[in-house]
Structure formats: structure tokens, C-alpha cells
Amino acid sequence: MAEQIQANLVSIDQLTADEAVDLIHEAQDFKAGKQVQLLKPAYAMNLFFEDSTRTKTSFQMAEKKLGMQVLDFNAATSSVNKGESLYDTLRTIEEIGVNIAVIRHPKNEYYQDLVENPNLKIGIANAGDGSGQHPSQCLLDMMTIQEQFGHVKGLKVLINGDIFHSRVARSNAEMLSRLGAEVYFSGPEKWFDAKLERYGKFGDFEELLPHMDVINILRVQHERLSGSANSDFDEHTYRDKFGITASRIQKMKSDAIILHPAPVNRGVEIDDDLVESPHSKIFTQMKNGVFVRMAILSSILRYQKLL
């Protein structure tokens, strides 16, 4: 296995199929107990400008497991509220001694100017940008699929739900296609992004479901919907048309798995009692997230010659 070296990891676009597989293999090694030793102290700061439970705590655990020291950051009390730019925030914490910034931001491609700026040496790991990219979630999903089937190539994968507003849908569709899976989409047609047609076809949920190996369901992202779209949204109607229910799970292949990036709207995208059913790998995804993020951080640390 070639150990990955990345100055930053901000988009799935950066990774070839082989590079993604190498990161997944290293994550599997970490899961199996691999230990690393830092060459000197390394410091991380997690800058989250959107709410998060899984991604934020998962990165924190990954940092701790790698032996990094983690500095606190609270967006609500930071100088961004005084007008400070993200660039100036990063330059500040870089000069203080932070080596890696893990950033979640509501702006799509917030990282573009940052990674291209020669004055900024701090490593950046993208923890999600608006409806753009979510590379660490993508890689942990690929790891979970790999663990279940031993491969990704040739599998039929359905991405279902609020596709237009989902960074997970974009990252996963791109990498699944790159790894040789057959990608399909379903959900409310008004929430489909035609730009994703290059990765797979949009179809009827009921018709596609019995043929799929992986059903990647997505959260309805109310925070990105307009006021009228939220007021018109009916949970029961959505569940009846696009949710994983007891009757639908009977139509799935016996070895098919369900993925969800979480948080789960129980009783909307999936019935409450099916969240932890044998088909569901939702909590396995969360466990795998720590090890994938360890691999991502290790790649950046190697670039900085700290590992």
C-alpha cells in the first residue's frame, strides 16, 4: 500500500480511484489496530460554522487517536463575528502553531482561494462545504461498502432523497462511478440535480429498489430549503413515497445494505425500528468515520513531515 501524501483534502475531485482505495486501506489498518508515532507535536483545530455531531466528534477522536493536540474553536464567539475573513482566521491560527484545520462551512467551495494561496501553509481537511463536497463522509461510505461486499466495482447503488441539497450525493456519485459502481438516483424529481446525470440515471424508487445492492438514503435538508418548501413539506407523504418502510425492506435483496449520512429523521427517510435493522449500516458508518478521518489526517501530516 502506498501511503497517501496530501497537502489538503478538500474534494473527492483530488483523488484517483487508486488513491481513494489506499486511504480506505489505511483506514482499515487503523480499524485493525495500526498505531503511528508523531515525529514531533502536532496541533489541530476544528472550525465548524455549521452544526455537527458525527463529523466533528469523529475528527476529534481521530485527532486524539493519532496523538494530536486539539485546540478549541467556537464560531459563535470567534472574530468572524467582527468581520474577520476565513483566510485571516487561518493565518492567525497557523502563526499560533496549528498544523491542520478541519473546516465545515456553509459556502460551497469556501476552500478554493485558500488552498491556492501561497501564503497559507496550514493543512485543510474539508468537513463539508454547503451543498458541495463531503470527502470524509464519501470515503467512510466507500469503506463500509467495501467491508460488506469486498468490492465496489459492479455494485448497483441507489442514492435516494434530497439530492439537490446534498454534498454527500455529489461526493458519493462521483467516487462510486470512479470505482466502477452502477449509480442510480431517485426521490422527489424537483430535488434532483441534472448535473449528476453523467454519473447515473434518475428513476422510480419502487422500481429500482429490488435490484439495488446499496441504498444510500439522504436526510431532507430543511436548513437549505426555502420557507415555502419547508411549509409545504409533509413528513408522512414523503415517507410513503420515498422512505424505507417495513414493506419496502421486504423487497430489497437479502444482502442489500442501507446507508445514511445522519442525522436520521426517524419515521421520514426510514422507519424508526429499521434504523438498526440487519440491513442498516448506519452506525457502522459512524464507527468507520473515525478510521477514515485518521487516514485523511495522516496523509496531511505526512505531507508536513510530522508523521
Protein backbone atom coordinates (compact mmCIF):
# COMPACT_ATOMS: atom_id res chain seq x y z
CA MET A 1 0.00 0.00 0.00
CA ALA A 2 1.32 3.41 -0.97
CA GLU A 3 0.80 5.84 1.90
CA GLN A 4 -1.05 8.90 0.69
CA ILE A 5 0.53 12.35 0.93
CA GLN A 6 -1.84 15.30 0.51
CA ALA A 7 -1.24 18.93 1.39
CA ASN A 8 -5.01 19.28 1.86
CA LEU A 9 -8.06 17.11 1.30
CA VAL A 10 -10.98 19.31 0.30
CA SER A 11 -12.71 17.49 -2.54
CA ILE A 12 -13.20 14.00 -3.94
CA ASP A 13 -12.03 15.54 -7.25
CA GLN A 14 -8.48 15.38 -5.86
CA LEU A 15 -8.41 11.60 -5.57
CA THR A 16 -7.99 8.97 -8.24
CA ALA A 17 -9.71 5.63 -7.64
CA ASP A 18 -6.38 4.12 -6.52
CA GLU A 19 -5.69 6.97 -4.12
CA ALA A 20 -9.15 6.62 -2.58
CA VAL A 21 -8.64 2.87 -2.19
CA ASP A 22 -5.27 3.49 -0.50
CA LEU A 23 -6.91 5.80 2.03
CA ILE A 24 -9.61 3.20 2.67
CA HIS A 25 -6.97 0.50 3.16
CA GLU A 26 -5.15 2.66 5.68
CA ALA A 27 -8.44 3.31 7.48
CA GLN A 28 -8.98 -0.46 7.64
CA ASP A 29 -5.49 -0.83 9.07
CA PHE A 30 -6.31 1.73 11.76
CA LYS A 31 -9.52 -0.16 12.50
CA ALA A 32 -7.45 -3.34 12.89
CA GLY A 33 -5.23 -1.62 15.44
CA LYS A 34 -2.48 0.14 13.49
CA GLN A 35 -0.57 2.65 15.61
CA VAL A 36 1.51 5.61 14.44
CA GLN A 37 4.03 7.82 16.18
CA LEU A 38 4.23 11.54 15.51
CA LEU A 39 7.73 12.82 14.79
CA LYS A 40 7.00 15.93 16.84
CA PRO A 41 3.93 17.55 18.46
CA ALA A 42 1.10 18.32 16.04
CA TYR A 43 -1.91 20.54 16.61
CA ALA A 44 -5.40 20.56 15.12
CA MET A 45 -8.33 22.96 15.28
CA ASN A 46 -11.87 22.10 14.15
CA LEU A 47 -13.63 25.15 12.71
CA PHE A 48 -17.30 24.29 12.32
CA PHE A 49 -19.54 27.06 11.03
CA GLU A 50 -22.50 24.66 10.69
CA ASP A 51 -23.93 22.29 13.29
CA SER A 52 -22.42 18.82 13.53
CA THR A 53 -22.31 15.87 15.89
CA ARG A 54 -20.83 12.92 13.98
CA THR A 55 -18.28 14.65 11.74
CA LYS A 56 -16.97 17.00 14.42
CA THR A 57 -16.61 14.43 17.19
CA SER A 58 -15.30 11.86 14.72
CA PHE A 59 -12.50 14.20 13.64
CA GLN A 60 -11.80 14.99 17.29
CA MET A 61 -11.48 11.30 18.11
CA ALA A 62 -9.30 10.72 15.05
CA GLU A 63 -7.01 13.56 16.10
CA LYS A 64 -6.74 12.19 19.64
CA LYS A 65 -6.04 8.64 18.41
CA LEU A 66 -3.21 9.98 16.25
CA GLY A 67 -1.71 11.74 19.26
CA MET A 68 -2.53 15.25 18.06
CA GLN A 69 -3.38 18.04 20.46
CA VAL A 70 -6.72 19.70 19.73
CA LEU A 71 -7.41 23.39 20.30
CA ASP A 72 -10.96 24.60 20.90
CA PHE A 73 -12.79 26.80 18.41
CA ASN A 74 -16.27 28.25 18.82
CA ALA A 75 -17.65 30.00 15.74
CA ALA A 76 -20.24 31.84 17.85
CA THR A 77 -17.54 33.60 19.88
CA SER A 78 -14.81 33.91 17.25
CA SER A 79 -13.63 37.05 15.47
CA VAL A 80 -15.53 36.09 12.32
CA ASN A 81 -18.41 37.83 14.07
CA LYS A 82 -16.33 41.01 13.98
CA GLY A 83 -15.82 40.67 10.24
CA GLU A 84 -12.61 38.64 10.18
CA SER A 85 -12.18 36.64 6.97
CA LEU A 86 -11.66 32.89 6.99
CA TYR A 87 -8.24 33.46 5.46
CA ASP A 88 -7.22 35.77 8.32
CA THR A 89 -8.57 33.28 10.85
CA LEU A 90 -6.45 30.52 9.31
CA ARG A 91 -3.35 32.70 9.06
CA THR A 92 -3.81 33.57 12.73
CA ILE A 93 -4.09 30.01 13.97
CA GLU A 94 -1.24 28.94 11.66
CA GLU A 95 1.05 31.52 13.25
CA ILE A 96 -0.07 30.34 16.68
CA GLY A 97 1.12 26.87 15.71
CA VAL A 98 -1.87 24.91 14.40
CA ASN A 99 -0.89 22.38 11.72
CA ILE A 100 -4.27 21.21 10.44
CA ALA A 101 -7.62 23.00 10.26
CA VAL A 102 -10.72 20.85 9.83
CA ILE A 103 -13.41 23.14 8.40
CA ARG A 104 -17.14 22.86 7.83
CA HIS A 105 -18.61 25.91 6.13
CA PRO A 106 -21.98 26.81 4.56
CA LYS A 107 -20.35 28.31 1.45
CA ASN A 108 -19.74 25.96 -1.47
CA GLU A 109 -16.03 25.71 -2.33
CA TYR A 110 -15.04 28.02 0.54
CA TYR A 111 -11.63 26.34 0.29
CA GLN A 112 -10.80 27.26 -3.31
CA ASP A 113 -8.92 30.50 -2.72
CA LEU A 114 -7.40 29.17 0.50
CA VAL A 115 -5.65 26.13 -0.97
CA GLU A 116 -4.40 28.21 -3.90
CA ASN A 117 -2.92 30.94 -1.67
CA PRO A 118 0.88 30.51 -1.38
CA ASN A 119 0.93 32.41 1.92
CA LEU A 120 -1.19 29.76 3.66
CA LYS A 121 0.73 26.66 4.73
CA ILE A 122 -1.75 25.17 7.21
CA GLY A 123 -3.29 21.86 6.11
CA ILE A 124 -7.04 21.89 5.42
CA ALA A 125 -9.41 18.95 5.72
CA ASN A 126 -12.85 19.75 4.37
CA ALA A 127 -15.59 18.55 6.74
CA GLY A 128 -18.35 19.67 4.36
CA ASP A 129 -18.97 22.77 2.27
CA GLY A 130 -22.60 23.82 1.73
CA SER A 131 -24.15 21.50 -0.83
CA GLY A 132 -20.75 20.93 -2.46
CA GLN A 133 -18.44 18.20 -1.17
CA HIS A 134 -18.06 15.90 1.83
CA PRO A 135 -14.92 13.84 1.13
CA SER A 136 -14.56 12.15 4.52
CA GLN A 137 -18.21 11.01 4.51
CA CYS A 138 -17.73 9.71 0.98
CA LEU A 139 -14.67 7.67 1.92
CA LEU A 140 -16.28 6.20 5.03
CA ASP A 141 -19.27 5.18 2.90
CA MET A 142 -16.94 3.50 0.39
CA MET A 143 -15.17 1.74 3.27
CA THR A 144 -18.49 0.46 4.61
CA ILE A 145 -19.49 -0.86 1.19
CA GLN A 146 -16.06 -2.47 0.74
CA GLU A 147 -16.36 -4.23 4.10
CA GLN A 148 -19.78 -5.63 3.22
CA PHE A 149 -19.12 -6.83 -0.33
CA GLY A 150 -15.33 -6.98 -0.66
CA HIS A 151 -15.52 -4.65 -3.67
CA VAL A 152 -17.37 -1.65 -5.09
CA LYS A 153 -16.98 -2.35 -8.80
CA GLY A 154 -20.14 -3.67 -10.43
CA LEU A 155 -22.44 -2.99 -7.48
CA LYS A 156 -25.73 -1.22 -8.07
CA VAL A 157 -26.05 1.76 -5.76
CA LEU A 158 -29.17 3.90 -5.37
CA ILE A 159 -28.90 7.43 -3.97
CA ASN A 160 -32.38 8.39 -2.80
CA GLY A 161 -33.91 11.56 -1.37
CA ASP A 162 -32.96 15.22 -1.18
CA ILE A 163 -30.22 15.01 -3.80
CA PHE A 164 -30.09 18.65 -4.90
CA HIS A 165 -29.08 19.96 -1.47
CA SER A 166 -26.77 17.06 -0.58
CA ARG A 167 -22.98 17.27 -0.60
CA VAL A 168 -22.97 13.53 0.21
CA ALA A 169 -24.88 12.77 -3.00
CA ARG A 170 -22.34 14.66 -5.11
CA SER A 171 -19.24 13.19 -3.49
CA ASN A 172 -20.60 9.65 -3.43
CA ALA A 173 -21.91 9.68 -7.00
CA GLU A 174 -18.53 10.83 -8.26
CA MET A 175 -16.46 8.30 -6.32
CA LEU A 176 -18.87 5.39 -6.86
CA SER A 177 -18.66 6.00 -10.57
CA ARG A 178 -14.87 6.23 -10.40
CA LEU A 179 -14.72 2.91 -8.53
CA GLY A 180 -16.89 1.17 -11.12
CA ALA A 181 -20.30 1.00 -9.42
CA GLU A 182 -23.57 1.47 -11.31
CA VAL A 183 -25.16 4.59 -9.86
CA TYR A 184 -28.89 5.34 -9.81
CA PHE A 185 -30.91 8.20 -8.32
CA SER A 186 -34.45 8.50 -7.00
CA GLY A 187 -36.52 10.78 -4.79
CA PRO A 188 -38.59 13.88 -5.42
CA GLU A 189 -37.85 14.87 -9.02
CA LYS A 190 -37.82 18.55 -8.06
CA TRP A 191 -34.84 17.75 -5.80
CA PHE A 192 -32.74 16.08 -8.47
CA ASP A 193 -29.72 17.85 -9.93
CA ALA A 194 -29.45 17.23 -13.67
CA LYS A 195 -25.68 17.77 -13.45
CA LEU A 196 -25.47 14.34 -11.80
CA GLU A 197 -26.84 12.56 -14.86
CA ARG A 198 -23.27 11.97 -16.01
CA TYR A 199 -22.93 9.51 -13.11
CA GLY A 200 -26.24 7.65 -13.39
CA LYS A 201 -29.92 7.62 -14.25
CA PHE A 202 -32.83 9.03 -12.27
CA GLY A 203 -35.69 6.55 -11.86
CA ASP A 204 -38.68 5.38 -9.83
CA PHE A 205 -37.82 4.42 -6.25
CA GLU A 206 -40.18 1.43 -6.10
CA GLU A 207 -38.94 0.02 -9.40
CA LEU A 208 -35.24 0.41 -8.62
CA LEU A 209 -35.27 -0.79 -5.01
CA PRO A 210 -35.39 -4.61 -5.58
CA HIS A 211 -32.37 -4.51 -7.89
CA MET A 212 -30.02 -2.49 -5.68
CA ASP A 213 -27.07 -3.72 -3.60
CA VAL A 214 -26.75 -0.44 -1.69
CA ILE A 215 -29.48 2.06 -0.87
CA ASN A 216 -27.92 5.36 0.17
CA ILE A 217 -30.77 7.38 1.68
CA LEU A 218 -30.36 11.09 2.36
CA ARG A 219 -31.67 13.44 5.01
CA VAL A 220 -34.22 16.03 3.96
CA GLN A 221 -32.14 19.18 4.47
CA HIS A 222 -34.67 21.61 5.87
CA GLU A 223 -31.96 24.17 6.61
CA ARG A 224 -31.29 24.53 2.86
CA LEU A 225 -34.93 24.58 1.73
CA SER A 226 -36.86 27.78 1.11
CA GLY A 227 -39.53 28.83 3.57
CA SER A 228 -42.33 27.75 1.26
CA ALA A 229 -40.70 24.37 0.56
CA ASN A 230 -40.45 23.75 4.29
CA SER A 231 -44.01 24.83 5.00
CA ASP A 232 -45.31 22.63 2.17
CA PHE A 233 -43.28 19.59 3.26
CA ASP A 234 -45.31 16.71 4.70
CA GLU A 235 -43.35 14.00 6.54
CA HIS A 236 -46.00 11.30 6.09
CA THR A 237 -46.28 11.88 2.34
CA TYR A 238 -42.50 11.79 1.96
CA ARG A 239 -42.23 8.55 3.96
CA ASP A 240 -44.97 6.92 1.92
CA LYS A 241 -43.29 7.82 -1.37
CA PHE A 242 -39.57 7.66 -0.62
CA GLY A 243 -38.97 6.21 2.86
CA ILE A 244 -37.57 2.83 3.86
CA THR A 245 -40.55 1.06 5.42
CA ALA A 246 -41.24 -2.49 6.59
CA SER A 247 -42.95 -3.34 3.29
CA ARG A 248 -40.12 -1.87 1.19
CA ILE A 249 -37.37 -3.61 3.13
CA GLN A 250 -39.01 -6.92 2.18
CA LYS A 251 -38.48 -6.03 -1.48
CA MET A 252 -34.75 -5.48 -1.07
CA LYS A 253 -32.09 -8.06 -1.90
CA SER A 254 -31.31 -10.28 1.08
CA ASP A 255 -27.75 -8.92 1.31
CA ALA A 256 -28.53 -5.31 0.37
CA ILE A 257 -27.42 -2.62 2.79
CA ILE A 258 -28.79 0.77 3.78
CA LEU A 259 -26.51 3.78 4.25
CA HIS A 260 -27.45 7.18 5.67
CA PRO A 261 -25.04 10.06 6.45
CA ALA A 262 -27.14 11.01 9.51
CA PRO A 263 -28.61 12.66 11.45
CA VAL A 264 -31.60 10.46 10.66
CA ASN A 265 -35.11 11.84 10.57
CA ARG A 266 -36.65 8.70 12.02
CA GLY A 267 -40.03 7.93 10.55
CA VAL A 268 -39.33 10.09 7.48
CA GLU A 269 -36.38 8.70 5.48
CA ILE A 270 -36.54 5.40 7.34
CA ASP A 271 -38.90 3.90 9.88
CA ASP A 272 -37.70 4.12 13.47
CA ASP A 273 -37.40 0.37 14.04
CA LEU A 274 -35.39 -0.14 10.84
CA VAL A 275 -32.55 2.25 11.72
CA GLU A 276 -30.76 -0.62 13.48
CA SER A 277 -32.11 -3.48 11.35
CA PRO A 278 -29.72 -6.11 9.87
CA HIS A 279 -29.77 -4.27 6.54
CA SER A 280 -28.77 -0.95 8.11
CA LYS A 281 -25.10 0.03 8.34
CA ILE A 282 -25.80 3.50 9.69
CA PHE A 283 -23.94 3.05 12.97
CA THR A 284 -21.16 1.07 11.26
CA GLN A 285 -20.64 4.14 9.07
CA MET A 286 -20.16 6.24 12.19
CA LYS A 287 -17.53 3.84 13.56
CA ASN A 288 -15.72 3.72 10.23
CA GLY A 289 -15.71 7.51 10.09
CA VAL A 290 -13.11 7.73 12.85
CA PHE A 291 -10.67 5.50 10.97
CA VAL A 292 -11.19 7.19 7.61
CA ARG A 293 -10.54 10.55 9.22
CA MET A 294 -7.40 9.16 10.84
CA ALA A 295 -6.23 8.20 7.34
CA ILE A 296 -7.04 11.67 5.94
CA LEU A 297 -5.24 13.45 8.77
CA SER A 298 -2.27 11.08 8.46
CA SER A 299 -1.96 11.94 4.78
CA ILE A 300 -1.74 15.65 5.60
CA LEU A 301 0.65 15.02 8.50
CA ARG A 302 2.96 13.06 6.18
CA TYR A 303 2.98 15.99 3.76
CA GLN A 304 4.05 18.22 6.65
CA LYS A 305 6.71 15.66 7.66
CA LEU A 306 5.09 15.28 11.06
CA LEU A 307 4.43 11.56 10.58
